[in-house]
C-alpha atoms as a PDB file:
ATOM      1  CA  MET A   1      99.817  36.284 128.313  1.00  0.00           C
ATOM      2  CA  ASN A   2     101.933  38.300 126.006  1.00  0.00           C
ATOM      3  CA  PRO A   3     101.983  41.974 127.734  1.00  0.00           C
ATOM      4  CA  GLN A   4     101.048  43.195 124.106  1.00  0.00           C
ATOM      5  CA  GLN A   5      97.683  41.139 124.997  1.00  0.00           C
ATOM      6  CA  THR A   6      97.349  42.559 128.276  1.00  0.00           C
ATOM      7  CA  ILE A   7      93.881  44.009 129.086  1.00  0.00           C
ATOM      8  CA  ARG A   8      93.113  46.869 130.518  1.00  0.00           C
ATOM      9  CA  LEU A   9      89.424  46.186 132.809  1.00  0.00           C
ATOM     10  CA  ALA A  10      87.204  48.103 134.521  1.00  0.00           C
ATOM     11  CA  VAL A  11      85.066  46.831 136.953  1.00  0.00           C
ATOM     12  CA  ILE A  12      81.873  48.582 138.357  1.00  0.00           C
ATOM     13  CA  ASP A  13      79.883  46.527 140.302  1.00  0.00           C
ATOM     14  CA  GLN A  14      79.667  46.084 144.260  1.00  0.00           C
ATOM     15  CA  ASP A  15      79.031  42.262 144.555  1.00  0.00           C
ATOM     16  CA  SER A  16      82.264  41.559 146.834  1.00  0.00           C
ATOM     17  CA  GLY A  17      81.865  38.040 146.141  1.00  0.00           C
ATOM     18  CA  PHE A  18      82.109  38.015 142.562  1.00  0.00           C
ATOM     19  CA  VAL A  19      84.659  40.621 142.347  1.00  0.00           C
ATOM     20  CA  THR A  20      87.174  39.221 144.550  1.00  0.00           C
ATOM     21  CA  VAL A  21      86.942  35.754 142.263  1.00  0.00           C
ATOM     22  CA  LEU A  22      87.149  37.741 139.293  1.00  0.00           C
ATOM     23  CA  SER A  23      90.203  39.890 140.152  1.00  0.00           C
ATOM     24  CA  LYS A  24      91.731  36.276 141.388  1.00  0.00           C
ATOM     25  CA  ARG A  25      91.535  35.059 137.624  1.00  0.00           C
ATOM     26  CA  THR A  26      92.237  37.935 135.585  1.00  0.00           C
ATOM     27  CA  GLU A  27      95.192  38.801 138.048  1.00  0.00           C
ATOM     28  CA  ALA A  28      96.705  35.353 136.724  1.00  0.00           C
ATOM     29  CA  ALA A  29      95.930  35.564 133.737  1.00  0.00           C
ATOM     30  CA  GLY A  30      97.656  38.791 133.435  1.00  0.00           C
ATOM     31  CA  TRP A  31      95.305  41.468 133.182  1.00  0.00           C
ATOM     32  CA  GLN A  32      95.075  44.868 135.071  1.00  0.00           C
ATOM     33  CA  GLN A  33      91.871  45.340 136.748  1.00  0.00           C
ATOM     34  CA  ARG A  34      90.369  48.165 138.402  1.00  0.00           C
ATOM     35  CA  VAL A  35      87.392  48.096 140.906  1.00  0.00           C
ATOM     36  CA  LEU A  36      84.819  50.550 140.726  1.00  0.00           C
ATOM     37  CA  THR A  37      81.754  50.685 143.232  1.00  0.00           C
ATOM     38  CA  SER A  38      80.145  53.568 141.371  1.00  0.00           C
ATOM     39  CA  ALA A  39      80.308  55.235 138.413  1.00  0.00           C
ATOM     40  CA  ILE A  40      83.189  57.493 137.144  1.00  0.00           C
ATOM     41  CA  PRO A  41      82.658  60.212 134.678  1.00  0.00           C
ATOM     42  CA  PRO A  42      83.834  58.723 131.398  1.00  0.00           C
ATOM     43  CA  ASP A  43      86.300  61.419 130.363  1.00  0.00           C
ATOM     44  CA  GLU A  44      87.887  59.851 133.514  1.00  0.00           C
ATOM     45  CA  LEU A  45      87.872  56.278 131.553  1.00  0.00           C
ATOM     46  CA  VAL A  46      89.089  57.418 128.730  1.00  0.00           C
ATOM     47  CA  ALA A  47      92.085  58.477 131.175  1.00  0.00           C
ATOM     48  CA  MET A  48      92.530  54.872 132.334  1.00  0.00           C
ATOM     49  CA  LYS A  49      92.921  53.680 128.447  1.00  0.00           C
ATOM     50  CA  LEU A  50      91.021  51.039 128.870  1.00  0.00           C
ATOM     51  CA  ASN A  51      90.073  47.651 126.580  1.00  0.00           C
ATOM     52  CA  ALA A  52      86.640  47.113 128.449  1.00  0.00           C
ATOM     53  CA  LEU A  53      84.736  47.832 130.974  1.00  0.00           C
ATOM     54  CA  LEU A  54      81.928  45.147 132.808  1.00  0.00           C
ATOM     55  CA  ILE A  55      79.136  47.028 134.464  1.00  0.00           C
ATOM     56  CA  ASP A  56      76.506  46.072 136.912  1.00  0.00           C
ATOM     57  CA  LEU A  57      73.643  48.233 136.009  1.00  0.00           C
ATOM     58  CA  SER A  58      72.324  47.870 139.379  1.00  0.00           C
ATOM     59  CA  VAL A  59      74.672  49.883 140.961  1.00  0.00           C
ATOM     60  CA  LEU A  60      73.961  52.723 139.141  1.00  0.00           C
ATOM     61  CA  GLY A  61      69.987  52.854 139.972  1.00  0.00           C
ATOM     62  CA  ASP A  62      67.649  55.358 137.678  1.00  0.00           C
ATOM     63  CA  GLU A  63      71.425  56.662 136.295  1.00  0.00           C
ATOM     64  CA  ALA A  64      71.959  53.484 134.667  1.00  0.00           C
ATOM     65  CA  TRP A  65      70.094  53.804 131.333  1.00  0.00           C
ATOM     66  CA  SER A  66      71.789  57.380 130.564  1.00  0.00           C
ATOM     67  CA  TYR A  67      75.204  56.454 131.683  1.00  0.00           C
ATOM     68  CA  LEU A  68      75.618  53.734 129.479  1.00  0.00           C
ATOM     69  CA  GLU A  69      74.142  55.921 126.631  1.00  0.00           C
ATOM     70  CA  ARG A  70      77.193  58.820 127.875  1.00  0.00           C
ATOM     71  CA  VAL A  71      80.000  56.188 127.930  1.00  0.00           C
ATOM     72  CA  CYS A  72      79.017  54.277 124.800  1.00  0.00           C
ATOM     73  CA  GLY A  73      78.676  57.240 122.598  1.00  0.00           C
ATOM     74  CA  MET A  74      81.592  58.875 123.922  1.00  0.00           C
ATOM     75  CA  LEU A  75      84.406  56.231 123.595  1.00  0.00           C
ATOM     76  CA  PRO A  76      83.272  54.308 120.584  1.00  0.00           C
ATOM     77  CA  ASP A  77      86.387  52.497 120.867  1.00  0.00           C
ATOM     78  CA  LEU A  78      85.740  50.755 124.368  1.00  0.00           C
ATOM     79  CA  GLY A  79      84.278  47.343 124.947  1.00  0.00           C
ATOM     80  CA  VAL A  80      81.020  47.650 126.999  1.00  0.00           C
ATOM     81  CA  VAL A  81      79.884  44.255 128.481  1.00  0.00           C
ATOM     82  CA  VAL A  82      76.720  44.161 131.178  1.00  0.00           C
ATOM     83  CA  CYS A  83      76.839  41.669 133.935  1.00  0.00           C
ATOM     84  CA  ALA A  84      74.101  41.912 135.792  1.00  0.00           C
ATOM     85  CA  GLY A  85      71.337  39.926 137.490  1.00  0.00           C
ATOM     86  CA  ARG A  86      67.529  38.995 136.395  1.00  0.00           C
ATOM     87  CA  SER A  87      66.800  41.029 133.009  1.00  0.00           C
ATOM     88  CA  THR A  88      64.077  41.304 130.369  1.00  0.00           C
ATOM     89  CA  VAL A  89      64.407  40.939 126.987  1.00  0.00           C
ATOM     90  CA  ALA A  90      63.211  44.441 126.103  1.00  0.00           C
ATOM     91  CA  GLN A  91      66.411  45.474 128.650  1.00  0.00           C
ATOM     92  CA  ARG A  92      68.873  43.677 126.730  1.00  0.00           C
ATOM     93  CA  VAL A  93      67.866  44.462 123.641  1.00  0.00           C
ATOM     94  CA  ARG A  94      68.318  48.202 124.745  1.00  0.00           C
ATOM     95  CA  ALA A  95      71.572  47.915 125.734  1.00  0.00           C
ATOM     96  CA  LEU A  96      72.632  46.758 122.754  1.00  0.00           C
ATOM     97  CA  ARG A  97      70.792  49.654 120.744  1.00  0.00           C
ATOM     98  CA  LEU A  98      72.909  52.215 122.586  1.00  0.00           C
ATOM     99  CA  GLY A  99      76.279  50.524 121.691  1.00  0.00           C
ATOM    100  CA  VAL A 100      76.676  47.781 124.490  1.00  0.00           C
ATOM    101  CA  ASP A 101      78.581  44.303 123.183  1.00  0.00           C
ATOM    102  CA  ASP A 102      77.422  41.785 125.535  1.00  0.00           C
ATOM    103  CA  TRP A 103      75.273  40.798 128.194  1.00  0.00           C
ATOM    104  CA  ILE A 104      75.568  38.417 130.673  1.00  0.00           C
ATOM    105  CA  GLY A 105      73.133  37.462 133.516  1.00  0.00           C
ATOM    106  CA  LYS A 106      74.528  36.199 136.920  1.00  0.00           C
ATOM    107  CA  PRO A 107      74.898  34.180 138.576  1.00  0.00           C
ATOM    108  CA  CYS A 108      77.925  33.761 135.942  1.00  0.00           C
ATOM    109  CA  HIS A 109      81.433  31.838 135.859  1.00  0.00           C
ATOM    110  CA  PRO A 110      84.093  34.196 135.732  1.00  0.00           C
ATOM    111  CA  GLU A 111      85.865  32.111 133.017  1.00  0.00           C
ATOM    112  CA  GLU A 112      83.134  33.044 130.762  1.00  0.00           C
ATOM    113  CA  VAL A 113      83.139  36.753 131.719  1.00  0.00           C
ATOM    114  CA  MET A 114      86.562  36.684 130.703  1.00  0.00           C
ATOM    115  CA  ALA A 115      85.897  35.303 127.874  1.00  0.00           C
ATOM    116  CA  ARG A 116      82.934  37.686 126.830  1.00  0.00           C
ATOM    117  CA  ILE A 117      85.626  40.147 127.289  1.00  0.00           C
ATOM    118  CA  GLU A 118      88.402  38.905 125.118  1.00  0.00           C
ATOM    119  CA  ALA A 119      86.130  38.090 122.586  1.00  0.00           C
ATOM    120  CA  VAL A 120      84.977  42.228 122.924  1.00  0.00           C
ATOM    121  CA  SER A 121      88.856  43.402 122.964  1.00  0.00           C
ATOM    122  CA  ARG A 122      89.537  41.126 119.700  1.00  0.00           C
ATOM    123  CA  ARG A 123      86.665  43.141 117.934  1.00  0.00           C
ATOM    124  CA  ARG A 124      87.961  46.500 119.411  1.00  0.00           C
ATOM    125  CA  ARG A 125      91.294  45.437 118.070  1.00  0.00           C
ATOM    126  CA  ARG A 126      90.184  44.829 114.168  1.00  0.00           C
ATOM    127  CA  SER A 127      88.512  47.883 114.211  1.00  0.00           C
ATOM    128  CA  ARG A 128      91.374  49.828 115.041  1.00  0.00           C
ATOM    129  CA  ALA A 129      93.685  48.001 112.639  1.00  0.00           C
ATOM    130  CA  GLY A 130      91.036  49.189 110.409  1.00  0.00           C
ATOM    131  CA  ILE A 131      91.683  53.010 111.106  1.00  0.00           C
ATOM    132  CA  GLU A 132      94.786  52.623 110.640  1.00  0.00           C
ATOM    133  CA  THR A 133      94.902  51.457 107.281  1.00  0.00           C
ATOM    134  CA  GLY A 134      92.108  54.552 106.575  1.00  0.00           C
ATOM    135  CA  PRO A 135      88.531  54.940 105.322  1.00  0.00           C
ATOM    136  CA  LEU A 136      87.470  51.744 102.574  1.00  0.00           C
ATOM    137  CA  VAL A 137      86.130  52.501  99.418  1.00  0.00           C
ATOM    138  CA  ALA A 138      83.642  50.103  97.639  1.00  0.00           C
ATOM    139  CA  GLY A 139      80.933  51.368  95.060  1.00  0.00           C
ATOM    140  CA  GLU A 140      79.421  54.409  96.497  1.00  0.00           C
ATOM    141  CA  LEU A 141      80.353  53.585 100.061  1.00  0.00           C
ATOM    142  CA  GLU A 142      83.269  54.974 101.966  1.00  0.00           C
ATOM    143  CA  ILE A 143      83.306  52.987 105.222  1.00  0.00           C
ATOM    144  CA  ARG A 144      84.877  54.908 108.187  1.00  0.00           C
ATOM    145  CA  ALA A 145      86.793  52.792 110.935  1.00  0.00           C
ATOM    146  CA  ASP A 146      87.936  55.988 112.667  1.00  0.00           C
ATOM    147  CA  GLN A 147      83.891  57.248 112.985  1.00  0.00           C
ATOM    148  CA  PHE A 148      82.467  53.438 112.899  1.00  0.00           C
ATOM    149  CA  GLN A 149      80.591  54.607 110.447  1.00  0.00           C
ATOM    150  CA  ALA A 150      79.436  54.270 106.640  1.00  0.00           C
ATOM    151  CA  PHE A 151      78.690  56.752 104.000  1.00  0.00           C
ATOM    152  CA  VAL A 152      77.456  57.903 100.922  1.00  0.00           C
ATOM    153  CA  GLY A 153      78.410  61.155  99.620  1.00  0.00           C
ATOM    154  CA  ASP A 154      78.082  63.538 102.575  1.00  0.00           C
ATOM    155  CA  GLY A 155      75.285  60.975 103.925  1.00  0.00           C
ATOM    156  CA  SER A 156      75.516  58.767 106.750  1.00  0.00           C
ATOM    157  CA  LEU A 157      74.212  55.545 106.962  1.00  0.00           C
ATOM    158  CA  ASP A 158      73.145  56.106 110.701  1.00  0.00           C
ATOM    159  CA  LEU A 159      75.122  52.638 111.595  1.00  0.00           C
ATOM    160  CA  THR A 160      74.660  51.289 114.984  1.00  0.00           C
ATOM    161  CA  ARG A 161      77.743  49.710 116.467  1.00  0.00           C
ATOM    162  CA  ARG A 162      76.840  46.321 115.623  1.00  0.00           C
ATOM    163  CA  GLU A 163      75.546  47.068 111.968  1.00  0.00           C
ATOM    164  CA  PHE A 164      79.200  48.549 111.427  1.00  0.00           C
ATOM    165  CA  GLU A 165      80.963  45.861 112.784  1.00  0.00           C
ATOM    166  CA  LEU A 166      79.243  43.182 110.327  1.00  0.00           C
ATOM    167  CA  LEU A 167      79.267  45.783 107.389  1.00  0.00           C
ATOM    168  CA  GLN A 168      83.223  46.005 107.871  1.00  0.00           C
ATOM    169  CA  LEU A 169      83.841  42.443 108.579  1.00  0.00           C
ATOM    170  CA  LEU A 170      81.997  41.613 105.068  1.00  0.00           C
ATOM    171  CA  ALA A 171      83.610  44.168 103.462  1.00  0.00           C
ATOM    172  CA  ASP A 172      86.899  43.353 104.721  1.00  0.00           C
ATOM    173  CA  ALA A 173      86.482  40.015 102.948  1.00  0.00           C
ATOM    174  CA  LYS A 174      85.349  41.071 100.039  1.00  0.00           C
ATOM    175  CA  GLY A 175      84.357  38.459  97.199  1.00  0.00           C
ATOM    176  CA  GLN A 176      84.569  35.938  99.897  1.00  0.00           C
ATOM    177  CA  VAL A 177      81.802  34.033 101.645  1.00  0.00           C
ATOM    178  CA  LEU A 178      81.182  34.372 105.053  1.00  0.00           C
ATOM    179  CA  GLU A 179      79.390  31.490 106.743  1.00  0.00           C
ATOM    180  CA  ARG A 180      76.625  32.577 109.257  1.00  0.00           C
ATOM    181  CA  GLU A 181      78.485  31.129 112.468  1.00  0.00           C
ATOM    182  CA  ALA A 182      81.462  32.349 111.458  1.00  0.00           C
ATOM    183  CA  ILE A 183      79.901  35.787 111.019  1.00  0.00           C
ATOM    184  CA  TYR A 184      78.278  35.322 114.464  1.00  0.00           C
ATOM    185  CA  GLN A 185      81.294  34.364 116.088  1.00  0.00           C
ATOM    186  CA  ARG A 186      83.639  37.181 114.605  1.00  0.00           C
ATOM    187  CA  VAL A 187      81.098  39.860 115.582  1.00  0.00           C
ATOM    188  CA  TRP A 188      78.915  38.651 118.318  1.00  0.00           C
ATOM    189  CA  GLY A 189      82.161  37.221 120.202  1.00  0.00           C
ATOM    190  CA  TYR A 190      80.875  33.701 121.008  1.00  0.00           C
ATOM    191  CA  ALA A 191      79.548  30.351 119.315  1.00  0.00           C
ATOM    192  CA  MET A 192      76.184  31.143 117.856  1.00  0.00           C
ATOM    193  CA  ALA A 193      72.883  28.746 119.239  1.00  0.00           C
ATOM    194  CA  HIS A 194      71.118  26.501 117.034  1.00  0.00           C
ATOM    195  CA  GLY A 195      68.406  28.436 115.203  1.00  0.00           C
ATOM    196  CA  ASP A 196      69.900  32.018 116.050  1.00  0.00           C
ATOM    197  CA  ARG A 197      68.722  34.055 113.016  1.00  0.00           C
ATOM    198  CA  SER A 198      69.964  37.140 114.122  1.00  0.00           C
ATOM    199  CA  VAL A 199      72.907  37.278 111.740  1.00  0.00           C
ATOM    200  CA  ASP A 200      69.948  37.171 109.343  1.00  0.00           C
ATOM    201  CA  VAL A 201      67.956  40.125 111.105  1.00  0.00           C
ATOM    202  CA  PHE A 202      71.313  42.097 111.292  1.00  0.00           C
ATOM    203  CA  ILE A 203      72.033  41.650 107.448  1.00  0.00           C
ATOM    204  CA  ARG A 204      68.224  42.875 106.279  1.00  0.00           C
ATOM    205  CA  LYS A 205      69.129  46.100 108.228  1.00  0.00           C
ATOM    206  CA  LEU A 206      72.372  46.534 106.944  1.00  0.00           C
ATOM    207  CA  ARG A 207      70.501  46.091 103.163  1.00  0.00           C
ATOM    208  CA  GLN A 208      67.556  48.513 103.932  1.00  0.00           C
ATOM    209  CA  LYS A 209      70.294  51.553 105.123  1.00  0.00           C
ATOM    210  CA  LEU A 210      71.862  50.324 102.145  1.00  0.00           C
ATOM    211  CA  GLU A 211      69.206  50.674  99.292  1.00  0.00           C
ATOM    212  CA  LYS A 212      68.354  53.650 100.651  1.00  0.00           C
ATOM    213  CA  ARG A 213      71.106  55.669 100.728  1.00  0.00           C
ATOM    214  CA  SER A 214      72.631  53.912  97.171  1.00  0.00           C
ATOM    215  CA  PRO A 215      70.141  52.059  95.000  1.00  0.00           C
ATOM    216  CA  GLY A 216      71.829  51.937  92.465  1.00  0.00           C
ATOM    217  CA  TRP A 217      74.201  48.682  93.841  1.00  0.00           C
ATOM    218  CA  GLY A 218      74.155  45.833  95.567  1.00  0.00           C
ATOM    219  CA  TYR A 219      76.228  45.367  98.194  1.00  0.00           C
ATOM    220  CA  ILE A 220      75.471  42.141 100.365  1.00  0.00           C
ATOM    221  CA  HIS A 221      75.068  39.018  98.213  1.00  0.00           C
ATOM    222  CA  THR A 222      73.234  35.593 100.186  1.00  0.00           C
ATOM    223  CA  HIS A 223      74.542  32.355  99.503  1.00  0.00           C
ATOM    224  CA  PHE A 224      71.526  30.106 100.391  1.00  0.00           C
ATOM    225  CA  GLY A 225      71.932  27.880 103.302  1.00  0.00           C
ATOM    226  CA  VAL A 226      75.917  29.108 103.301  1.00  0.00           C
ATOM    227  CA  GLY A 227      75.938  32.601 104.673  1.00  0.00           C
ATOM    228  CA  TYR A 228      76.708  36.221 102.485  1.00  0.00           C
ATOM    229  CA  ARG A 229      79.102  38.085 100.057  1.00  0.00           C
ATOM    230  CA  PHE A 230      80.373  41.687 100.363  1.00  0.00           C
ATOM    231  CA  ASP A 231      80.830  42.326  96.783  1.00  0.00           C
ATOM    232  CA  PRO A 232      79.566  45.588  95.077  1.00  0.00           C
ATOM    233  CA  GLU A 233      78.055  45.594  91.746  1.00  0.00           C
ATOM    234  CA  PRO A 234      75.717  47.863  89.908  1.00  0.00           C
ATOM    235  CA  ILE A 235      72.090  47.306  89.497  1.00  0.00           C
ATOM    236  CA  GLY A 236      71.380  45.585  86.104  1.00  0.00           C
ATOM    237  CA  GLY A 237      74.944  45.118  85.716  1.00  0.00           C
ATOM    238  CA  THR A 238      76.210  48.455  84.866  1.00  0.00           C
ATOM    239  CA  GLU A 239      77.006  51.361  86.897  1.00  0.00           C
ATOM    240  CA  PRO A 240      74.144  53.815  87.489  1.00  0.00           C
ATOM    241  CA  ALA A 241      73.879  56.970  84.756  1.00  0.00           C
ATOM    242  CA  THR A 242      75.416  60.227  85.871  1.00  0.00           C
ATOM    243  CA  PRO A 243      74.906  63.382  84.379  1.00  0.00           C
ATOM    244  CA  ALA A 244      78.114  63.690  82.761  1.00  0.00           C
ATOM    245  CA  LYS A 245      77.345  59.956  81.334  1.00  0.00           C
ATOM    246  CA  GLU A 246      74.067  60.938  79.894  1.00  0.00           C
ATOM    247  CA  ALA A 247      75.300  63.792  78.345  1.00  0.00           C
ATOM    248  CA  ALA A 248      78.006  61.848  76.750  1.00  0.00           C
ATOM    249  CA  ALA A 249      75.821  59.051  75.457  1.00  0.00           C
ATOM    250  CA  SER A 250      73.326  61.541  73.945  1.00  0.00           C
ATOM    251  CA  THR A 251      76.029  62.962  71.600  1.00  0.00           C
ATOM    252  CA  GLU A 252      77.297  59.433  70.545  1.00  0.00           C
ATOM    253  CA  ALA A 253      73.665  59.001  69.432  1.00  0.00           C
ATOM    254  CA  PRO A 254      73.388  58.853  65.765  1.00  0.00           C
ATOM    255  CA  THR A 255      72.696  61.799  63.716  1.00  0.00           C
ATOM    256  CA  GLY A 256      68.764  61.818  62.822  1.00  0.00           C
ATOM    257  CA  ALA A 257      67.890  59.549  65.510  1.00  0.00           C
ATOM    258  CA  SER A 258      64.196  60.241  67.117  1.00  0.00           C
ATOM    259  CA  ASP A 259      63.346  60.027  70.704  1.00  0.00           C
ATOM    260  CA  SER A 260      61.878  56.836  69.867  1.00  0.00           C
ATOM    261  CA  GLN A 261      65.377  55.339  69.039  1.00  0.00           C
ATOM    262  CA  VAL A 262      66.822  56.297  72.369  1.00  0.00           C
ATOM    263  CA  VAL A 263      65.920  54.779  74.874  1.00  0.00           C
ATOM    264  CA  HIS A 264      66.604  55.851  78.634  1.00  0.00           C
ATOM    265  CA  SER A 265      65.753  53.448  81.863  1.00  0.00           C
ATOM    266  CA  SER A 266      66.264  53.167  85.361  1.00  0.00           C
ATOM    267  CA  PHE A 267      65.983  50.794  87.744  1.00  0.00           C
ATOM    268  CA  THR A 268      65.293  51.300  91.595  1.00  0.00           C
ATOM    269  CA  PRO A 269      65.340  47.930  93.514  1.00  0.00           C
ATOM    270  CA  ALA A 270      62.474  47.185  95.503  1.00  0.00           C
END
């Protein structure tokens, strides 16, 4: 593996058999791996300059969820993958909403674990590349990769990390139609299962947040049976009126025009 692609991985797990096999595979692949038998403070994880953290929540006991929240909140650039035994849908959903990138159920094959970690690391690299190029401005929207967030004026859209990654992917391909399967592969990191509607669900959430903050613009367009396209367009085909534009328009009205001859309209999307 190219040294520039070496993955620095920390593993928090007490399953000696699993850790031993995984360590042999990662060493053979040229990764740098550190095994921890208990949680360490997030600032120590920062000092380790990791690409990814693989964690078994059973190791942390009652502190598992608060620890996950702290790590994901303090290290938004770190790929976090949970690898644990039996779990419920509610637990997996809770972890993803806290900022976890992926959840793998045990027993699992080390090659799959490594592939998932590689996928997470690729997404992190794309995010870092976006930070270096600065904010992306589209319509009223400002997408800030350095903050994993998007803004309209001073107001944040309050995006989750997954929602931000989806928005950034679409915005980077502005004007290009991205197929659902390709979106899933890029954002979730692996092939989309038949019947999975995750992309559509997250697109709907994104649209709701965009419409709330920027109701005069349409950003994400559906191509039925194919996928989605990001292309900011003013609702109704013209830019939303601003006080300055309205004042200019009033001075251009014909002399003597009555109120009934000057029509003002506004449109708020449903």
